[in-house]
Protein backbone atom coordinates (compact mmCIF):
# COMPACT_ATOMS: atom_id res chain seq x y z
CA MET A 1 30.30 6.47 31.18
CA LEU A 2 29.96 2.74 31.85
CA THR A 3 32.80 0.83 30.16
CA LEU A 4 32.46 -2.92 29.78
CA ASP A 5 35.11 -5.47 28.85
CA ILE A 6 33.48 -8.19 26.72
CA LYS A 7 35.48 -10.92 28.44
CA ASP A 8 33.77 -10.05 31.73
CA LEU A 9 30.24 -10.47 30.31
CA SER A 10 28.12 -13.54 29.65
CA PRO A 11 26.59 -14.06 26.18
CA LEU A 12 23.17 -13.15 27.62
CA GLN A 13 24.53 -9.87 28.99
CA ILE A 14 26.23 -9.03 25.70
CA GLN A 15 23.03 -9.82 23.82
CA ALA A 16 20.99 -7.56 26.10
CA TYR A 17 23.33 -4.59 25.73
CA LEU A 18 23.74 -4.93 21.96
CA ASN A 19 20.07 -5.57 21.18
CA HIS A 20 19.05 -2.42 23.05
CA ALA A 21 21.87 -0.26 21.68
CA VAL A 22 22.10 -1.38 18.05
CA ALA A 23 18.53 -0.55 17.13
CA PRO A 24 16.12 -0.23 15.49
CA ARG A 25 16.85 -3.26 13.34
CA PRO A 26 14.79 -4.23 10.27
CA ILE A 27 13.17 -7.64 10.45
CA CYS A 28 13.80 -10.44 7.96
CA LEU A 29 10.90 -12.89 8.00
CA ALA A 30 12.63 -15.81 6.28
CA SER A 31 10.74 -18.62 4.61
CA THR A 32 12.74 -21.75 3.80
CA VAL A 33 12.19 -25.42 2.98
CA ASP A 34 14.10 -28.56 3.85
CA LYS A 35 15.10 -31.28 1.38
CA ASP A 36 11.71 -32.95 1.84
CA GLY A 37 9.80 -29.76 1.07
CA ASN A 38 8.73 -28.97 4.65
CA VAL A 39 8.20 -25.22 5.02
CA ASN A 40 9.67 -23.13 7.84
CA LEU A 41 9.05 -19.48 8.66
CA SER A 42 11.09 -17.50 11.18
CA PRO A 43 11.99 -13.83 11.87
CA PHE A 44 15.52 -12.48 12.31
CA SER A 45 16.53 -8.94 13.25
CA PHE A 46 20.23 -9.38 12.60
CA PHE A 47 19.52 -8.36 9.01
CA ASN A 48 20.17 -5.72 6.39
CA VAL A 49 20.90 -5.05 2.71
CA PHE A 50 24.62 -4.90 1.91
CA SER A 51 24.88 -4.53 -1.87
CA VAL A 52 22.76 -3.41 -4.81
CA ASN A 53 24.88 -4.67 -7.72
CA PRO A 54 24.54 -7.55 -7.18
CA PRO A 55 21.61 -7.01 -4.79
CA VAL A 56 22.52 -8.87 -1.60
CA CYS A 57 20.94 -9.17 1.83
CA VAL A 58 22.63 -10.69 4.86
CA PHE A 59 20.86 -12.11 7.89
CA SER A 60 22.08 -14.23 10.76
CA PRO A 61 20.32 -17.22 12.34
CA SER A 62 22.48 -17.21 15.48
CA ARG A 63 23.10 -20.25 17.63
CA ARG A 64 20.81 -20.30 20.65
CA VAL A 65 22.48 -18.76 23.69
CA ARG A 66 20.87 -21.09 26.22
CA ASP A 67 21.87 -24.44 24.70
CA ASN A 68 24.04 -23.70 21.61
CA THR A 69 21.65 -25.41 19.20
CA THR A 70 21.07 -24.17 15.65
CA LYS A 71 17.78 -23.05 14.15
CA HIS A 72 15.68 -24.86 11.57
CA THR A 73 16.18 -21.97 9.14
CA LEU A 74 19.94 -22.55 9.10
CA GLU A 75 19.54 -26.31 8.76
CA ASN A 76 17.09 -25.84 5.85
CA LEU A 77 19.39 -23.43 4.03
CA LYS A 78 22.21 -25.95 4.12
CA GLN A 79 19.87 -28.45 2.44
CA VAL A 80 18.09 -26.06 0.04
CA PRO A 81 20.06 -22.80 -0.40
CA GLU A 82 17.07 -20.63 -1.24
CA VAL A 83 15.08 -18.17 0.89
CA VAL A 84 12.34 -15.60 0.65
CA ILE A 85 12.96 -12.54 2.80
CA ASN A 86 9.56 -11.09 3.65
CA ILE A 87 9.58 -7.50 4.93
CA VAL A 88 7.49 -6.93 8.06
CA ASN A 89 4.99 -4.12 8.59
CA TYR A 90 2.70 -3.24 11.48
CA ASP A 91 -0.33 -5.15 10.21
CA MET A 92 1.49 -8.48 10.58
CA VAL A 93 3.89 -7.90 13.50
CA GLN A 94 1.98 -10.00 16.04
CA GLN A 95 1.79 -12.93 13.64
CA VAL A 96 5.49 -12.54 12.89
CA SER A 97 6.25 -12.70 16.61
CA LEU A 98 4.16 -15.88 16.88
CA SER A 99 6.17 -17.45 14.04
CA SER A 100 9.31 -17.16 16.21
CA VAL A 101 8.00 -19.82 18.61
CA GLU A 102 10.34 -22.83 18.59
CA TYR A 103 7.98 -25.40 17.18
CA PRO A 104 9.36 -28.89 16.43
CA ALA A 105 11.02 -29.57 13.09
CA GLY A 106 8.49 -30.10 10.32
CA VAL A 107 5.86 -27.78 11.80
CA ASN A 108 4.77 -25.12 9.32
CA GLU A 109 4.86 -21.70 11.02
CA PHE A 110 2.72 -20.25 8.22
CA ILE A 111 -0.15 -22.30 9.64
CA LYS A 112 0.69 -21.62 13.29
CA ALA A 113 0.93 -17.86 12.70
CA GLY A 114 -2.08 -17.68 10.38
CA LEU A 115 -0.05 -16.30 7.48
CA THR A 116 -0.72 -17.12 3.83
CA GLU A 117 1.67 -19.06 1.58
CA GLN A 118 2.10 -17.61 -1.91
CA PRO A 119 4.11 -19.47 -4.57
CA SER A 120 7.43 -17.92 -5.55
CA VAL A 121 8.51 -17.36 -9.14
CA LEU A 122 12.00 -18.85 -8.92
CA VAL A 123 12.77 -20.37 -5.53
CA LYS A 124 11.16 -23.26 -3.69
CA PRO A 125 10.19 -21.51 -0.42
CA PRO A 126 6.82 -19.72 -0.56
CA ARG A 127 6.34 -16.00 -0.04
CA VAL A 128 4.26 -14.46 2.76
CA ALA A 129 1.24 -12.96 1.00
CA GLU A 130 0.66 -10.44 3.79
CA SER A 131 4.16 -8.96 3.48
CA PRO A 132 4.36 -5.61 1.63
CA VAL A 133 7.70 -6.53 0.01
CA GLN A 134 8.98 -10.04 -0.69
CA LEU A 135 12.51 -10.81 -1.86
CA GLU A 136 13.21 -14.12 -3.59
CA CYS A 137 16.83 -15.01 -2.96
CA VAL A 138 19.42 -17.68 -3.66
CA VAL A 139 22.05 -18.25 -0.98
CA ARG A 140 25.59 -17.47 -2.13
CA ASP A 141 27.34 -18.40 1.10
CA ILE A 142 26.85 -19.17 4.78
CA ILE A 143 29.64 -17.98 7.05
CA SER A 144 29.80 -19.47 10.53
CA LEU A 145 31.37 -17.01 12.98
CA ALA A 146 31.98 -19.59 15.72
CA ASP A 147 30.48 -22.73 17.26
CA THR A 148 29.80 -21.10 20.63
CA PRO A 149 26.43 -20.09 22.16
CA GLY A 150 25.13 -16.92 20.50
CA ALA A 151 27.50 -17.13 17.54
CA GLY A 152 26.12 -15.87 14.25
CA ASN A 153 25.84 -17.58 10.90
CA LEU A 154 25.91 -14.98 8.14
CA VAL A 155 23.58 -15.97 5.32
CA ILE A 156 24.58 -14.07 2.18
CA ALA A 157 21.48 -14.06 0.00
CA GLU A 158 21.36 -12.67 -3.53
CA ILE A 159 18.02 -11.17 -4.49
CA LYS A 160 16.58 -12.48 -7.76
CA TYR A 161 13.00 -11.18 -7.66
CA ILE A 162 11.38 -8.29 -5.78
CA HIS A 163 7.61 -8.38 -5.22
CA ILE A 164 5.94 -5.16 -4.02
CA LYS A 165 2.32 -4.56 -3.10
CA GLU A 166 0.96 -1.80 -5.30
CA ASP A 167 -0.85 -0.03 -2.46
CA ILE A 168 2.48 1.09 -0.95
CA LEU A 169 3.69 2.70 -4.17
CA ASN A 170 3.55 6.41 -4.94
CA GLU A 171 2.65 8.08 -8.24
CA ASN A 172 6.22 7.52 -9.49
CA GLY A 173 6.01 3.79 -8.97
CA THR A 174 8.47 3.77 -6.07
CA ILE A 175 7.84 2.80 -2.46
CA ASP A 176 6.15 5.50 -0.40
CA GLN A 177 7.91 5.55 2.96
CA GLU A 178 4.76 6.78 4.69
CA LYS A 179 2.58 3.98 3.29
CA ILE A 180 4.70 0.89 3.99
CA ASP A 181 4.24 1.21 7.79
CA LEU A 182 7.40 -0.67 8.72
CA VAL A 183 8.23 -2.04 12.15
CA ALA A 184 11.67 -2.69 13.58
CA ARG A 185 13.16 -4.61 16.45
CA LEU A 186 14.64 -3.11 19.60
CA GLY A 187 15.83 -4.79 22.81
CA ALA A 188 13.86 -7.28 24.91
CA ASP A 189 10.15 -7.15 23.95
CA TRP A 190 10.38 -3.69 22.38
CA TYR A 191 9.55 -2.82 18.77
CA CYS A 192 9.06 0.50 17.00
CA ARG A 193 6.75 1.58 14.21
CA VAL A 194 7.74 3.88 11.34
CA THR A 195 4.78 6.20 10.90
CA ALA A 196 4.37 9.48 9.03
CA ASP A 197 4.52 11.53 12.23
CA ASN A 198 7.97 10.24 13.21
CA LEU A 199 9.61 10.46 9.78
CA PHE A 200 12.03 13.24 8.96
CA LYS A 201 14.48 14.03 6.19
CA VAL A 202 18.18 14.83 6.35
CA ALA A 203 19.78 16.51 3.34
CA LYS A 204 22.31 14.05 1.96
CA PRO A 205 25.72 15.52 1.03
CA VAL A 206 26.26 13.40 -2.06
CA THR A 207 26.71 15.86 -4.92
CA THR A 208 27.89 18.85 -2.87
CA VAL A 209 30.78 19.42 -0.49
CA GLY A 210 29.57 21.07 2.71
CA ILE A 211 31.70 23.76 4.34
CA GLY A 212 31.83 21.73 7.56
CA VAL A 213 31.15 22.69 11.16
CA ASP A 214 34.76 23.87 11.53
CA ALA A 215 34.06 26.66 8.99
CA ILE A 216 31.16 28.08 11.00
CA PRO A 217 32.07 31.29 12.84
CA TYR A 218 32.92 30.66 16.49
CA ALA A 219 30.09 32.85 17.80
CA ILE A 220 27.61 30.61 16.00
CA ARG A 221 29.44 27.36 16.68
CA SER A 222 29.49 28.06 20.42
CA SER A 223 25.81 29.01 20.56
CA LYS A 224 23.88 27.95 23.66
CA VAL A 225 20.73 27.67 21.54
CA LEU A 226 21.83 25.72 18.48
CA THR A 227 22.27 21.96 18.85
CA GLY A 228 24.81 19.64 17.26
CA ASN A 229 22.17 18.68 14.72
CA ASN A 230 21.66 22.36 13.88
CA LEU A 231 25.39 22.85 13.38
CA GLY A 232 25.43 19.81 11.11
CA GLN A 233 22.72 21.43 8.99
CA LEU A 234 24.65 24.69 8.80
CA GLY A 235 27.86 22.88 7.90
CA ASN A 236 26.18 20.99 5.07
CA VAL A 237 25.78 24.04 2.84
CA GLU A 238 28.19 24.46 -0.05
CA VAL A 239 28.19 28.29 -0.08
CA LEU A 240 27.04 31.00 2.29
CA PRO A 241 24.44 33.62 1.35
CA THR A 242 25.80 36.82 -0.16
CA ASP A 243 25.91 40.16 1.66
CA GLU A 244 23.12 41.36 -0.62
CA GLU A 245 20.92 38.38 0.29
CA ILE A 246 21.58 38.88 3.99
CA GLU A 247 20.76 42.58 3.80
CA ALA A 248 17.54 41.94 1.86
CA TYR A 249 16.43 39.28 4.38
CA ALA A 250 17.12 41.68 7.25
CA GLN A 251 14.41 43.97 5.85
CA SER A 252 11.66 41.43 6.51
CA ASP A 253 9.05 42.28 9.14
CA GLU A 254 10.12 39.46 11.47
CA MET A 255 13.74 40.55 11.40
CA LYS A 256 12.85 44.21 11.91
CA GLU A 257 10.79 43.22 14.92
CA ILE A 258 13.82 41.50 16.47
CA PHE A 259 16.09 44.46 15.71
CA ASP A 260 13.62 47.02 17.09
CA ALA A 261 13.04 45.05 20.28
CA THR A 262 16.74 44.67 21.04
CA ILE A 263 18.16 48.13 20.29
CA GLY A 264 21.25 48.70 22.44
CA ASP A 265 21.24 45.13 23.80
CA SER A 266 23.55 43.02 21.64
CA GLN A 267 23.41 39.96 23.91
CA THR A 268 19.62 39.73 23.77
CA ARG A 269 19.71 40.41 20.04
CA GLU A 270 22.15 37.54 19.49
CA LEU A 271 19.96 35.24 21.60
CA GLN A 272 16.81 36.17 19.66
CA LEU A 273 18.57 35.71 16.33
CA HIS A 274 19.82 32.29 17.37
CA LEU A 275 16.33 31.29 18.51
CA LYS A 276 14.93 32.46 15.18
CA ALA A 277 17.64 30.56 13.29
CA LYS A 278 16.91 27.40 15.25
CA GLN A 279 13.23 27.66 14.36
CA LEU A 280 14.15 27.96 10.68
CA LEU A 281 16.58 25.03 10.90
CA ASP A 282 13.94 22.86 12.55
CA ASP A 283 11.72 23.69 9.57
CA GLY A 284 14.50 22.76 7.14
CA LEU A 285 15.12 26.34 5.98
CA VAL A 286 18.91 26.27 6.20
CA MET A 287 19.85 29.22 3.98
CA GLU A 288 17.28 31.43 5.73
CA ALA A 289 18.83 30.42 9.06
CA TRP A 290 22.26 31.38 7.76
CA MET A 291 20.95 34.81 6.75
CA VAL A 292 19.56 35.32 10.24
CA LEU A 293 22.79 34.25 11.91
CA LEU A 294 24.96 36.41 9.69
CA SER A 295 22.84 39.50 10.24
CA PRO A 296 24.80 42.31 11.94
CA LEU A 297 24.30 42.65 15.68
């Protein structure tokens, strides 16, 4: 493993390693205004939501690594502490990238990027009409982390209004993860797109207490077939299936086929059962996988 001491690296090297490793990062397309009402629009990928009560986002207009100058967004926020955080999806990603060009102060990146200004309800900066979700925010604080090249400035922004395009909502009135078509930032020129074919669910252990990987029998835990992810799924159950459930499942045609094909060969039987369990786990059928794995050899 490559081990790096930060003091031996330049800011550009640190930036390259972190931007590739800490990813994907959601993109905050921030619209701001200066004291004279000039509009600025700029994307930031050092961004996330950090609280829901109160609802707070944090993003960081870092000092430029090459010359230690600050960005117009930061200067505007010190004059007018209001911002609209516009969420970025695939349909607008090229225009968002164009808005990151370092135009002179006073140039409106909405115009340069071909994006549409939409009046906000509460704050002075306009919203980006093309954005699927727009967050009107007031700035609670700006925390400077240093005055050195690449140093961040944490903008703590409290959300006051949320605007959501109706075509990304599901029948329950909440955001449909498959419809919003988000993009995220990686290292260098790389981005990624969140599409339906690369989405997956992980059961969240909020209301239950999983047995843990350490409670899984050693023969299963040391399997050459099951992955760490598979063991995490198995360890997330609260209770194991009963002997009666295991016996009933063993009577299924698929299980009988495995048993019949491996009579007198316990090693092959164990392998086939683990392969079957992995298939079930990959399909999200955790209790069924447990019943396979606990079947007698």
